[in-house]
Amino acid sequence: MQPFQDVAMSQAELTSTGPGGLPVHLTIRHAAAAHDALRKAFEAGGPIVLSVPDGAEIDLSFLQLVEAARKQAEAFRLPISLARPATGNLLNTLERAGFLTEASPRDAEFWLHRKD
């Protein structure tokens, strides 16, 4: 996999139904597909909005990929967000991985859309 380039992605590019959308298997076995979707969305330009498909299979590798995308977006001063707060498998994976145990206000806003 190549590192993210210094580009942004459009809101429409990273939805579960749009071109370059996130696959339903967001696991280490399918990490290349998720990375490719993110890369294409970054190349499209615009705000970064991640739409995780309902019922997606998710593991820690996807959370790590999203964290890398957040850092890349921040480095280039690009907005990045989830289309909706984490629920279902995404929320369960975040909890199991300890991402929410002592989440910063910024992390809580990103993952849960909470503004404390």
PDB file of N, CA and C in Angstrom:
ATOM      1  N   MET A   1       0.834  -1.183   0.000  1.00  0.00           N
ATOM      2  CA  MET A   1       0.000   0.000   0.000  1.00  0.00           C
ATOM      3  C   MET A   1       0.873   1.238   0.000  1.00  0.00           C
ATOM      4  N   GLN A   2       0.467   2.220  -0.761  1.00  0.00           N
ATOM      5  CA  GLN A   2       1.207   3.459  -0.746  1.00  0.00           C
ATOM      6  C   GLN A   2       0.620   4.412   0.287  1.00  0.00           C
ATOM      7  N   PRO A   3       1.436   5.322   0.831  1.00  0.00           N
ATOM      8  CA  PRO A   3       0.925   6.272   1.816  1.00  0.00           C
ATOM      9  C   PRO A   3      -0.070   7.224   1.161  1.00  0.00           C
ATOM     10  N   PHE A   4      -0.890   7.846   2.003  1.00  0.00           N
ATOM     11  CA  PHE A   4      -1.836   8.831   1.489  1.00  0.00           C
ATOM     12  C   PHE A   4      -1.076   9.969   0.832  1.00  0.00           C
ATOM     13  N   GLN A   5      -1.640  10.503  -0.212  1.00  0.00           N
ATOM     14  CA  GLN A   5      -1.045  11.633  -0.898  1.00  0.00           C
ATOM     15  C   GLN A   5      -1.592  12.920  -0.291  1.00  0.00           C
ATOM     16  N   ASP A   6      -1.028  14.061  -0.658  1.00  0.00           N
ATOM     17  CA  ASP A   6      -1.455  15.332  -0.094  1.00  0.00           C
ATOM     18  C   ASP A   6      -2.659  15.879  -0.863  1.00  0.00           C
ATOM     19  N   VAL A   7      -3.754  15.127  -0.793  1.00  0.00           N
ATOM     20  CA  VAL A   7      -4.977  15.524  -1.457  1.00  0.00           C
ATOM     21  C   VAL A   7      -6.145  15.329  -0.519  1.00  0.00           C
ATOM     22  N   ALA A   8      -7.291  15.902  -0.864  1.00  0.00           N
ATOM     23  CA  ALA A   8      -8.499  15.775  -0.055  1.00  0.00           C
ATOM     24  C   ALA A   8      -9.474  14.849  -0.749  1.00  0.00           C
ATOM     25  N   MET A   9     -10.589  14.513  -0.080  1.00  0.00           N
ATOM     26  CA  MET A   9     -11.618  13.728  -0.742  1.00  0.00           C
ATOM     27  C   MET A   9     -12.960  14.401  -0.599  1.00  0.00           C
ATOM     28  N   SER A  10     -13.807  14.159  -1.550  1.00  0.00           N
ATOM     29  CA  SER A  10     -15.114  14.799  -1.520  1.00  0.00           C
ATOM     30  C   SER A  10     -16.080  13.989  -0.686  1.00  0.00           C
ATOM     31  N   GLN A  11     -17.078  14.658  -0.172  1.00  0.00           N
ATOM     32  CA  GLN A  11     -18.069  14.016   0.668  1.00  0.00           C
ATOM     33  C   GLN A  11     -18.743  12.869  -0.065  1.00  0.00           C
ATOM     34  N   ALA A  12     -19.049  13.038  -1.317  1.00  0.00           N
ATOM     35  CA  ALA A  12     -19.756  12.009  -2.066  1.00  0.00           C
ATOM     36  C   ALA A  12     -18.892  10.790  -2.365  1.00  0.00           C
ATOM     37  N   GLU A  13     -17.596  10.928  -2.315  1.00  0.00           N
ATOM     38  CA  GLU A  13     -16.719   9.832  -2.711  1.00  0.00           C
ATOM     39  C   GLU A  13     -16.636   8.702  -1.701  1.00  0.00           C
ATOM     40  N   LEU A  14     -16.885   8.928  -0.443  1.00  0.00           N
ATOM     41  CA  LEU A  14     -16.655   7.890   0.542  1.00  0.00           C
ATOM     42  C   LEU A  14     -17.928   7.499   1.267  1.00  0.00           C
ATOM     43  N   THR A  15     -18.969   7.267   0.513  1.00  0.00           N
ATOM     44  CA  THR A  15     -20.207   6.758   1.088  1.00  0.00           C
ATOM     45  C   THR A  15     -20.320   5.286   0.726  1.00  0.00           C
ATOM     46  N   SER A  16     -21.192   4.595   1.407  1.00  0.00           N
ATOM     47  CA  SER A  16     -21.320   3.162   1.155  1.00  0.00           C
ATOM     48  C   SER A  16     -21.948   2.876  -0.201  1.00  0.00           C
ATOM     49  N   THR A  17     -22.584   3.858  -0.806  1.00  0.00           N
ATOM     50  CA  THR A  17     -23.243   3.627  -2.086  1.00  0.00           C
ATOM     51  C   THR A  17     -22.579   4.343  -3.244  1.00  0.00           C
ATOM     52  N   GLY A  18     -21.714   5.267  -2.975  1.00  0.00           N
ATOM     53  CA  GLY A  18     -21.101   6.051  -4.041  1.00  0.00           C
ATOM     54  C   GLY A  18     -19.847   5.404  -4.585  1.00  0.00           C
ATOM     55  N   PRO A  19     -19.306   5.959  -5.659  1.00  0.00           N
ATOM     56  CA  PRO A  19     -18.057   5.445  -6.211  1.00  0.00           C
ATOM     57  C   PRO A  19     -16.938   5.590  -5.185  1.00  0.00           C
ATOM     58  N   GLY A  20     -16.105   4.590  -5.101  1.00  0.00           N
ATOM     59  CA  GLY A  20     -15.013   4.646  -4.134  1.00  0.00           C
ATOM     60  C   GLY A  20     -15.491   4.470  -2.713  1.00  0.00           C
ATOM     61  N   GLY A  21     -16.712   3.971  -2.516  1.00  0.00           N
ATOM     62  CA  GLY A  21     -17.281   3.813  -1.181  1.00  0.00           C
ATOM     63  C   GLY A  21     -16.552   2.784  -0.351  1.00  0.00           C
ATOM     64  N   LEU A  22     -16.755   2.837   0.941  1.00  0.00           N
ATOM     65  CA  LEU A  22     -16.142   1.867   1.835  1.00  0.00           C
ATOM     66  C   LEU A  22     -16.788   0.504   1.645  1.00  0.00           C
ATOM     67  N   PRO A  23     -15.983  -0.544   1.611  1.00  0.00           N
ATOM     68  CA  PRO A  23     -16.544  -1.894   1.490  1.00  0.00           C
ATOM     69  C   PRO A  23     -17.195  -2.323   2.803  1.00  0.00           C
ATOM     70  N   VAL A  24     -17.974  -3.399   2.779  1.00  0.00           N
ATOM     71  CA  VAL A  24     -18.610  -3.887   3.998  1.00  0.00           C
ATOM     72  C   VAL A  24     -17.659  -4.710   4.852  1.00  0.00           C
ATOM     73  N   HIS A  25     -16.532  -5.128   4.290  1.00  0.00           N
ATOM     74  CA  HIS A  25     -15.522  -5.866   5.050  1.00  0.00           C
ATOM     75  C   HIS A  25     -14.367  -4.920   5.345  1.00  0.00           C
ATOM     76  N   LEU A  26     -14.385  -4.358   6.535  1.00  0.00           N
ATOM     77  CA  LEU A  26     -13.364  -3.401   6.939  1.00  0.00           C
ATOM     78  C   LEU A  26     -12.447  -4.081   7.958  1.00  0.00           C
ATOM     79  N   THR A  27     -11.725  -5.097   7.457  1.00  0.00           N
ATOM     80  CA  THR A  27     -10.864  -5.923   8.295  1.00  0.00           C
ATOM     81  C   THR A  27      -9.475  -6.009   7.673  1.00  0.00           C
ATOM     82  N   ILE A  28      -8.543  -6.568   8.424  1.00  0.00           N
ATOM     83  CA  ILE A  28      -7.165  -6.689   7.947  1.00  0.00           C
ATOM     84  C   ILE A  28      -7.114  -7.465   6.633  1.00  0.00           C
ATOM     85  N   ARG A  29      -7.945  -8.466   6.486  1.00  0.00           N
ATOM     86  CA  ARG A  29      -7.947  -9.261   5.261  1.00  0.00           C
ATOM     87  C   ARG A  29      -8.342  -8.419   4.045  1.00  0.00           C
ATOM     88  N   HIS A  30      -9.141  -7.392   4.271  1.00  0.00           N
ATOM     89  CA  HIS A  30      -9.618  -6.541   3.179  1.00  0.00           C
ATOM     90  C   HIS A  30      -9.094  -5.104   3.313  1.00  0.00           C
ATOM     91  N   ALA A  31      -7.998  -4.935   4.026  1.00  0.00           N
ATOM     92  CA  ALA A  31      -7.456  -3.596   4.281  1.00  0.00           C
ATOM     93  C   ALA A  31      -7.088  -2.861   2.990  1.00  0.00           C
ATOM     94  N   ALA A  32      -6.616  -3.589   1.996  1.00  0.00           N
ATOM     95  CA  ALA A  32      -6.227  -2.937   0.738  1.00  0.00           C
ATOM     96  C   ALA A  32      -7.424  -2.255   0.083  1.00  0.00           C
ATOM     97  N   ALA A  33      -8.596  -2.885   0.143  1.00  0.00           N
ATOM     98  CA  ALA A  33      -9.795  -2.293  -0.456  1.00  0.00           C
ATOM     99  C   ALA A  33     -10.212  -1.030   0.288  1.00  0.00           C
ATOM    100  N   ALA A  34     -10.159  -1.069   1.619  1.00  0.00           N
ATOM    101  CA  ALA A  34     -10.504   0.112   2.412  1.00  0.00           C
ATOM    102  C   ALA A  34      -9.490   1.236   2.162  1.00  0.00           C
ATOM    103  N   HIS A  35      -8.210   0.879   2.105  1.00  0.00           N
ATOM    104  CA  HIS A  35      -7.169   1.870   1.836  1.00  0.00           C
ATOM    105  C   HIS A  35      -7.377   2.494   0.462  1.00  0.00           C
ATOM    106  N   ASP A  36      -7.685   1.669  -0.528  1.00  0.00           N
ATOM    107  CA  ASP A  36      -7.910   2.166  -1.882  1.00  0.00           C
ATOM    108  C   ASP A  36      -9.094   3.131  -1.924  1.00  0.00           C
ATOM    109  N   ALA A  37     -10.171   2.795  -1.214  1.00  0.00           N
ATOM    110  CA  ALA A  37     -11.340   3.683  -1.169  1.00  0.00           C
ATOM    111  C   ALA A  37     -10.968   5.029  -0.547  1.00  0.00           C
ATOM    112  N   LEU A  38     -10.189   4.990   0.528  1.00  0.00           N
ATOM    113  CA  LEU A  38      -9.743   6.234   1.161  1.00  0.00           C
ATOM    114  C   LEU A  38      -8.832   7.029   0.226  1.00  0.00           C
ATOM    115  N   ARG A  39      -7.895   6.346  -0.407  1.00  0.00           N
ATOM    116  CA  ARG A  39      -6.971   7.031  -1.318  1.00  0.00           C
ATOM    117  C   ARG A  39      -7.731   7.722  -2.443  1.00  0.00           C
ATOM    118  N   LYS A  40      -8.675   7.014  -3.053  1.00  0.00           N
ATOM    119  CA  LYS A  40      -9.454   7.611  -4.138  1.00  0.00           C
ATOM    120  C   LYS A  40     -10.264   8.799  -3.660  1.00  0.00           C
ATOM    121  N   ALA A  41     -10.807   8.686  -2.476  1.00  0.00           N
ATOM    122  CA  ALA A  41     -11.587   9.788  -1.936  1.00  0.00           C
ATOM    123  C   ALA A  41     -10.693  10.997  -1.641  1.00  0.00           C
ATOM    124  N   PHE A  42      -9.486  10.751  -1.122  1.00  0.00           N
ATOM    125  CA  PHE A  42      -8.550  11.857  -0.895  1.00  0.00           C
ATOM    126  C   PHE A  42      -8.239  12.550  -2.217  1.00  0.00           C
ATOM    127  N   GLU A  43      -8.060  11.775  -3.265  1.00  0.00           N
ATOM    128  CA  GLU A  43      -7.716  12.335  -4.570  1.00  0.00           C
ATOM    129  C   GLU A  43      -8.850  13.155  -5.182  1.00  0.00           C
ATOM    130  N   ALA A  44     -10.088  12.893  -4.781  1.00  0.00           N
ATOM    131  CA  ALA A  44     -11.245  13.580  -5.355  1.00  0.00           C
ATOM    132  C   ALA A  44     -11.333  15.042  -4.927  1.00  0.00           C
ATOM    133  N   GLY A  45     -10.796  15.390  -3.783  1.00  0.00           N
ATOM    134  CA  GLY A  45     -10.832  16.759  -3.298  1.00  0.00           C
ATOM    135  C   GLY A  45     -12.113  17.075  -2.547  1.00  0.00           C
ATOM    136  N   GLY A  46     -12.023  17.947  -1.545  1.00  0.00           N
ATOM    137  CA  GLY A  46     -13.188  18.368  -0.771  1.00  0.00           C
ATOM    138  C   GLY A  46     -13.161  17.827   0.639  1.00  0.00           C
ATOM    139  N   PRO A  47     -14.219  18.098   1.407  1.00  0.00           N
ATOM    140  CA  PRO A  47     -14.294  17.603   2.788  1.00  0.00           C
ATOM    141  C   PRO A  47     -14.303  16.071   2.824  1.00  0.00           C
ATOM    142  N   ILE A  48     -13.765  15.516   3.878  1.00  0.00           N
ATOM    143  CA  ILE A  48     -13.682  14.074   4.034  1.00  0.00           C
ATOM    144  C   ILE A  48     -14.807  13.627   4.959  1.00  0.00           C
ATOM    145  N   VAL A  49     -15.747  12.895   4.435  1.00  0.00           N
ATOM    146  CA  VAL A  49     -16.856  12.364   5.229  1.00  0.00           C
ATOM    147  C   VAL A  49     -16.908  10.857   5.020  1.00  0.00           C
ATOM    148  N   LEU A  50     -16.684  10.112   6.093  1.00  0.00           N
ATOM    149  CA  LEU A  50     -16.651   8.658   6.034  1.00  0.00           C
ATOM    150  C   LEU A  50     -18.021   8.090   6.373  1.00  0.00           C
ATOM    151  N   SER A  51     -18.539   7.286   5.498  1.00  0.00           N
ATOM    152  CA  SER A  51     -19.821   6.628   5.732  1.00  0.00           C
ATOM    153  C   SER A  51     -19.581   5.129   5.825  1.00  0.00           C
ATOM    154  N   VAL A  52     -19.655   4.612   7.046  1.00  0.00           N
ATOM    155  CA  VAL A  52     -19.437   3.190   7.276  1.00  0.00           C
ATOM    156  C   VAL A  52     -20.747   2.458   6.989  1.00  0.00           C
ATOM    157  N   PRO A  53     -20.710   1.462   6.108  1.00  0.00           N
ATOM    158  CA  PRO A  53     -21.947   0.733   5.785  1.00  0.00           C
ATOM    159  C   PRO A  53     -22.563   0.073   7.018  1.00  0.00           C
ATOM    160  N   ASP A  54     -23.885   0.080   7.108  1.00  0.00           N
ATOM    161  CA  ASP A  54     -24.574  -0.628   8.187  1.00  0.00           C
ATOM    162  C   ASP A  54     -24.181  -2.090   8.137  1.00  0.00           C
ATOM    163  N   GLY A  55     -23.914  -2.666   9.291  1.00  0.00           N
ATOM    164  CA  GLY A  55     -23.567  -4.082   9.357  1.00  0.00           C
ATOM    165  C   GLY A  55     -22.180  -4.425   8.861  1.00  0.00           C
ATOM    166  N   ALA A  56     -21.339  -3.418   8.652  1.00  0.00           N
ATOM    167  CA  ALA A  56     -19.976  -3.675   8.177  1.00  0.00           C
ATOM    168  C   ALA A  56     -19.218  -4.542   9.179  1.00  0.00           C
ATOM    169  N   GLU A  57     -18.380  -5.418   8.656  1.00  0.00           N
ATOM    170  CA  GLU A  57     -17.477  -6.218   9.473  1.00  0.00           C
ATOM    171  C   GLU A  57     -16.243  -5.351   9.715  1.00  0.00           C
ATOM    172  N   ILE A  58     -15.920  -5.106  10.982  1.00  0.00           N
ATOM    173  CA  ILE A  58     -14.870  -4.136  11.316  1.00  0.00           C
ATOM    174  C   ILE A  58     -13.911  -4.740  12.336  1.00  0.00           C
ATOM    175  N   ASP A  59     -12.615  -4.490  12.130  1.00  0.00           N
ATOM    176  CA  ASP A  59     -11.633  -4.860  13.142  1.00  0.00           C
ATOM    177  C   ASP A  59     -10.684  -3.685  13.376  1.00  0.00           C
ATOM    178  N   LEU A  60      -9.707  -3.907  14.229  1.00  0.00           N
ATOM    179  CA  LEU A  60      -8.780  -2.849  14.630  1.00  0.00           C
ATOM    180  C   LEU A  60      -8.048  -2.222  13.444  1.00  0.00           C
ATOM    181  N   SER A  61      -7.778  -2.986  12.412  1.00  0.00           N
ATOM    182  CA  SER A  61      -7.043  -2.436  11.265  1.00  0.00           C
ATOM    183  C   SER A  61      -7.803  -1.271  10.628  1.00  0.00           C
ATOM    184  N   PHE A  62      -9.124  -1.339  10.601  1.00  0.00           N
ATOM    185  CA  PHE A  62      -9.902  -0.232  10.042  1.00  0.00           C
ATOM    186  C   PHE A  62      -9.789   1.002  10.934  1.00  0.00           C
ATOM    187  N   LEU A  63      -9.846   0.815  12.245  1.00  0.00           N
ATOM    188  CA  LEU A  63      -9.701   1.952  13.156  1.00  0.00           C
ATOM    189  C   LEU A  63      -8.339   2.612  12.961  1.00  0.00           C
ATOM    190  N   GLN A  64      -7.305   1.799  12.780  1.00  0.00           N
ATOM    191  CA  GLN A  64      -5.963   2.336  12.551  1.00  0.00           C
ATOM    192  C   GLN A  64      -5.898   3.101  11.225  1.00  0.00           C
ATOM    193  N   LEU A  65      -6.555   2.590  10.221  1.00  0.00           N
ATOM    194  CA  LEU A  65      -6.593   3.263   8.922  1.00  0.00           C
ATOM    195  C   LEU A  65      -7.303   4.608   9.026  1.00  0.00           C
ATOM    196  N   VAL A  66      -8.394   4.645   9.765  1.00  0.00           N
ATOM    197  CA  VAL A  66      -9.126   5.905   9.954  1.00  0.00           C
ATOM    198  C   VAL A  66      -8.274   6.894  10.739  1.00  0.00           C
ATOM    199  N   GLU A  67      -7.582   6.415  11.765  1.00  0.00           N
ATOM    200  CA  GLU A  67      -6.714   7.307  12.531  1.00  0.00           C
ATOM    201  C   GLU A  67      -5.606   7.883  11.646  1.00  0.00           C
ATOM    202  N   ALA A  68      -5.046   7.076  10.760  1.00  0.00           N
ATOM    203  CA  ALA A  68      -4.034   7.571   9.823  1.00  0.00           C
ATOM    204  C   ALA A  68      -4.645   8.613   8.889  1.00  0.00           C
ATOM    205  N   ALA A  69      -5.859   8.376   8.425  1.00  0.00           N
ATOM    206  CA  ALA A  69      -6.540   9.335   7.551  1.00  0.00           C
ATOM    207  C   ALA A  69      -6.814  10.638   8.302  1.00  0.00           C
ATOM    208  N   ARG A  70      -7.175  10.537   9.570  1.00  0.00           N
ATOM    209  CA  ARG A  70      -7.402  11.752  10.379  1.00  0.00           C
ATOM    210  C   ARG A  70      -6.123  12.582  10.488  1.00  0.00           C
ATOM    211  N   LYS A  71      -5.013  11.906  10.727  1.00  0.00           N
ATOM    212  CA  LYS A  71      -3.733  12.615  10.834  1.00  0.00           C
ATOM    213  C   LYS A  71      -3.350  13.262   9.503  1.00  0.00           C
ATOM    214  N   GLN A  72      -3.568  12.540   8.419  1.00  0.00           N
ATOM    215  CA  GLN A  72      -3.268  13.083   7.088  1.00  0.00           C
ATOM    216  C   GLN A  72      -4.142  14.293   6.797  1.00  0.00           C
ATOM    217  N   ALA A  73      -5.411  14.173   7.087  1.00  0.00           N
ATOM    218  CA  ALA A  73      -6.335  15.285   6.849  1.00  0.00           C
ATOM    219  C   ALA A  73      -5.942  16.500   7.695  1.00  0.00           C
ATOM    220  N   GLU A  74      -5.578  16.258   8.942  1.00  0.00           N
ATOM    221  CA  GLU A  74      -5.163  17.350   9.817  1.00  0.00           C
ATOM    222  C   GLU A  74      -3.896  18.022   9.279  1.00  0.00           C
ATOM    223  N   ALA A  75      -2.961  17.229   8.808  1.00  0.00           N
ATOM    224  CA  ALA A  75      -1.702  17.773   8.290  1.00  0.00           C
ATOM    225  C   ALA A  75      -1.950  18.720   7.114  1.00  0.00           C
ATOM    226  N   PHE A  76      -2.988  18.447   6.359  1.00  0.00           N
ATOM    227  CA  PHE A  76      -3.303  19.286   5.207  1.00  0.00           C
ATOM    228  C   PHE A  76      -4.496  20.198   5.449  1.00  0.00           C
ATOM    229  N   ARG A  77      -4.859  20.322   6.728  1.00  0.00           N
ATOM    230  CA  ARG A  77      -5.949  21.205   7.135  1.00  0.00           C
ATOM    231  C   ARG A  77      -7.253  20.926   6.385  1.00  0.00           C
ATOM    232  N   LEU A  78      -7.566  19.644   6.259  1.00  0.00           N
ATOM    233  CA  LEU A  78      -8.799  19.218   5.597  1.00  0.00           C
ATOM    234  C   LEU A  78      -9.772  18.706   6.642  1.00  0.00           C
ATOM    235  N   PRO A  79     -11.039  19.090   6.559  1.00  0.00           N
ATOM    236  CA  PRO A  79     -12.020  18.556   7.504  1.00  0.00           C
ATOM    237  C   PRO A  79     -12.283  17.074   7.238  1.00  0.00           C
ATOM    238  N   ILE A  80     -12.408  16.309   8.316  1.00  0.00           N
ATOM    239  CA  ILE A  80     -12.718  14.887   8.212  1.00  0.00           C
ATOM    240  C   ILE A  80     -13.730  14.549   9.301  1.00  0.00           C
ATOM    241  N   SER A  81     -14.716  13.736   8.955  1.00  0.00           N
ATOM    242  CA  SER A  81     -15.737  13.355   9.927  1.00  0.00           C
ATOM    243  C   SER A  81     -16.400  12.052   9.514  1.00  0.00           C
ATOM    244  N   LEU A  82     -17.165  11.492  10.433  1.00  0.00           N
ATOM    245  CA  LEU A  82     -18.027  10.364  10.119  1.00  0.00           C
ATOM    246  C   LEU A  82     -19.378  10.932   9.694  1.00  0.00           C
ATOM    247  N   ALA A  83     -20.034  10.264   8.769  1.00  0.00           N
ATOM    248  CA  ALA A  83     -21.343  10.719   8.308  1.00  0.00           C
ATOM    249  C   ALA A  83     -22.366  10.674   9.437  1.00  0.00           C
ATOM    250  N   ARG A  84     -22.197   9.718  10.347  1.00  0.00           N
ATOM    251  CA  ARG A  84     -23.092   9.597  11.496  1.00  0.00           C
ATOM    252  C   ARG A  84     -22.291   9.023  12.664  1.00  0.00           C
ATOM    253  N   PRO A  85     -22.763   9.195  13.877  1.00  0.00           N
ATOM    254  CA  PRO A  85     -22.023   8.659  15.033  1.00  0.00           C
ATOM    255  C   PRO A  85     -21.829   7.153  14.920  1.00  0.00           C
ATOM    256  N   ALA A  86     -20.753   6.673  15.521  1.00  0.00           N
ATOM    257  CA  ALA A  86     -20.459   5.242  15.518  1.00  0.00           C
ATOM    258  C   ALA A  86     -21.569   4.469  16.232  1.00  0.00           C
ATOM    259  N   THR A  87     -22.035   3.410  15.568  1.00  0.00           N
ATOM    260  CA  THR A  87     -23.034   2.512  16.146  1.00  0.00           C
ATOM    261  C   THR A  87     -22.671   1.093  15.734  1.00  0.00           C
ATOM    262  N   GLY A  88     -23.405   0.127  16.235  1.00  0.00           N
ATOM    263  CA  GLY A  88     -23.251  -1.257  15.805  1.00  0.00           C
ATOM    264  C   GLY A  88     -21.827  -1.782  15.920  1.00  0.00           C
ATOM    265  N   ASN A  89     -21.371  -2.440  14.863  1.00  0.00           N
ATOM    266  CA  ASN A  89     -20.040  -3.055  14.861  1.00  0.00           C
ATOM    267  C   ASN A  89     -18.921  -2.037  15.039  1.00  0.00           C
ATOM    268  N   LEU A  90     -19.086  -0.850  14.477  1.00  0.00           N
ATOM    269  CA  LEU A  90     -18.057   0.181  14.640  1.00  0.00           C
ATOM    270  C   LEU A  90     -17.941   0.574  16.108  1.00  0.00           C
ATOM    271  N   LEU A  91     -19.057   0.834  16.757  1.00  0.00           N
ATOM    272  CA  LEU A  91     -19.040   1.204  18.174  1.00  0.00           C
ATOM    273  C   LEU A  91     -18.477   0.067  19.023  1.00  0.00           C
ATOM    274  N   ASN A  92     -18.882  -1.156  18.757  1.00  0.00           N
ATOM    275  CA  ASN A  92     -18.365  -2.307  19.509  1.00  0.00           C
ATOM    276  C   ASN A  92     -16.853  -2.444  19.350  1.00  0.00           C
ATOM    277  N   THR A  93     -16.352  -2.251  18.138  1.00  0.00           N
ATOM    278  CA  THR A  93     -14.912  -2.360  17.894  1.00  0.00           C
ATOM    279  C   THR A  93     -14.160  -1.235  18.605  1.00  0.00           C
ATOM    280  N   LEU A  94     -14.703  -0.033  18.561  1.00  0.00           N
ATOM    281  CA  LEU A  94     -14.089   1.088  19.283  1.00  0.00           C
ATOM    282  C   LEU A  94     -13.999   0.792  20.780  1.00  0.00           C
ATOM    283  N   GLU A  95     -15.066   0.247  21.339  1.00  0.00           N
ATOM    284  CA  GLU A  95     -15.084  -0.070  22.770  1.00  0.00           C
ATOM    285  C   GLU A  95     -14.096  -1.182  23.096  1.00  0.00           C
ATOM    286  N   ARG A  96     -14.099  -2.256  22.304  1.00  0.00           N
ATOM    287  CA  ARG A  96     -13.180  -3.378  22.550  1.00  0.00           C
ATOM    288  C   ARG A  96     -11.722  -2.949  22.432  1.00  0.00           C
ATOM    289  N   ALA A  97     -11.444  -2.051  21.515  1.00  0.00           N
ATOM    290  CA  ALA A  97     -10.060  -1.599  21.296  1.00  0.00           C
ATOM    291  C   ALA A  97      -9.628  -0.529  22.296  1.00  0.00           C
ATOM    292  N   GLY A  98     -10.541  -0.057  23.134  1.00  0.00           N
ATOM    293  CA  GLY A  98     -10.198   0.942  24.144  1.00  0.00           C
ATOM    294  C   GLY A  98     -10.161   2.370  23.628  1.00  0.00           C
ATOM    295  N   PHE A  99     -10.660   2.601  22.425  1.00  0.00           N
ATOM    296  CA  PHE A  99     -10.642   3.947  21.844  1.00  0.00           C
ATOM    297  C   PHE A  99     -11.527   4.918  22.617  1.00  0.00           C
ATOM    298  N   LEU A 100     -12.525   4.411  23.321  1.00  0.00           N
ATOM    299  CA  LEU A 100     -13.470   5.301  23.993  1.00  0.00           C
ATOM    300  C   LEU A 100     -13.255   5.377  25.497  1.00  0.00           C
ATOM    301  N   THR A 101     -12.323   4.578  26.016  1.00  0.00           N
ATOM    302  CA  THR A 101     -12.087   4.523  27.459  1.00  0.00           C
ATOM    303  C   THR A 101     -11.746   5.894  28.022  1.00  0.00           C
ATOM    304  N   GLU A 102     -10.801   6.546  27.433  1.00  0.00           N
ATOM    305  CA  GLU A 102     -10.424   7.898  27.858  1.00  0.00           C
ATOM    306  C   GLU A 102     -10.320   8.784  26.624  1.00  0.00           C
ATOM    307  N   ALA A 103     -11.372   8.785  25.842  1.00  0.00           N
ATOM    308  CA  ALA A 103     -11.374   9.561  24.597  1.00  0.00           C
ATOM    309  C   ALA A 103     -11.273  11.052  24.882  1.00  0.00           C
ATOM    310  N   SER A 104     -10.435  11.706  24.103  1.00  0.00           N
ATOM    311  CA  SER A 104     -10.337  13.157  24.213  1.00  0.00           C
ATOM    312  C   SER A 104     -11.630  13.763  23.686  1.00  0.00           C
ATOM    313  N   PRO A 105     -11.906  15.020  24.023  1.00  0.00           N
ATOM    314  CA  PRO A 105     -13.109  15.657  23.470  1.00  0.00           C
ATOM    315  C   PRO A 105     -13.115  15.623  21.934  1.00  0.00           C
ATOM    316  N   ARG A 106     -11.956  15.788  21.350  1.00  0.00           N
ATOM    317  CA  ARG A 106     -11.854  15.756  19.887  1.00  0.00           C
ATOM    318  C   ARG A 106     -12.185  14.368  19.324  1.00  0.00           C
ATOM    319  N   ASP A 107     -11.699  13.317  19.987  1.00  0.00           N
ATOM    320  CA  ASP A 107     -11.999  11.951  19.554  1.00  0.00           C
ATOM    321  C   ASP A 107     -13.480  11.628  19.762  1.00  0.00           C
ATOM    322  N   ALA A 108     -14.035  12.062  20.895  1.00  0.00           N
ATOM    323  CA  ALA A 108     -15.460  11.828  21.156  1.00  0.00           C
ATOM    324  C   ALA A 108     -16.320  12.541  20.118  1.00  0.00           C
ATOM    325  N   GLU A 109     -15.898  13.719  19.715  1.00  0.00           N
ATOM    326  CA  GLU A 109     -16.654  14.435  18.678  1.00  0.00           C
ATOM    327  C   GLU A 109     -16.559  13.701  17.341  1.00  0.00           C
ATOM    328  N   PHE A 110     -15.372  13.215  16.993  1.00  0.00           N
ATOM    329  CA  PHE A 110     -15.207  12.514  15.727  1.00  0.00           C
ATOM    330  C   PHE A 110     -16.007  11.213  15.701  1.00  0.00           C
ATOM    331  N   TRP A 111     -15.781  10.337  16.677  1.00  0.00           N
ATOM    332  CA  TRP A 111     -16.393   9.008  16.645  1.00  0.00           C
ATOM    333  C   TRP A 111     -17.857   9.005  17.053  1.00  0.00           C
ATOM    334  N   LEU A 112     -18.224   9.828  18.026  1.00  0.00           N
ATOM    335  CA  LEU A 112     -19.565   9.768  18.607  1.00  0.00           C
ATOM    336  C   LEU A 112     -20.420  11.004  18.340  1.00  0.00           C
ATOM    337  N   HIS A 113     -19.826  12.006  17.724  1.00  0.00           N
ATOM    338  CA  HIS A 113     -20.493  13.296  17.473  1.00  0.00           C
ATOM    339  C   HIS A 113     -20.905  13.969  18.780  1.00  0.00           C
ATOM    340  N   ARG A 114     -20.122  13.735  19.828  1.00  0.00           N
ATOM    341  CA  ARG A 114     -20.373  14.366  21.134  1.00  0.00           C
ATOM    342  C   ARG A 114     -19.508  15.607  21.258  1.00  0.00           C
ATOM    343  N   LYS A 115     -20.143  16.671  21.668  1.00  0.00           N
ATOM    344  CA  LYS A 115     -19.404  17.900  21.949  1.00  0.00           C
ATOM    345  C   LYS A 115     -19.506  18.158  23.442  1.00  0.00           C
ATOM    346  N   ASP A 116     -18.405  17.853  24.144  1.00  0.00           N
ATOM    347  CA  ASP A 116     -18.407  18.013  25.608  1.00  0.00           C
ATOM    348  C   ASP A 116     -17.892  19.350  26.019  1.00  0.00           C
TER     349      ASP A 116
END
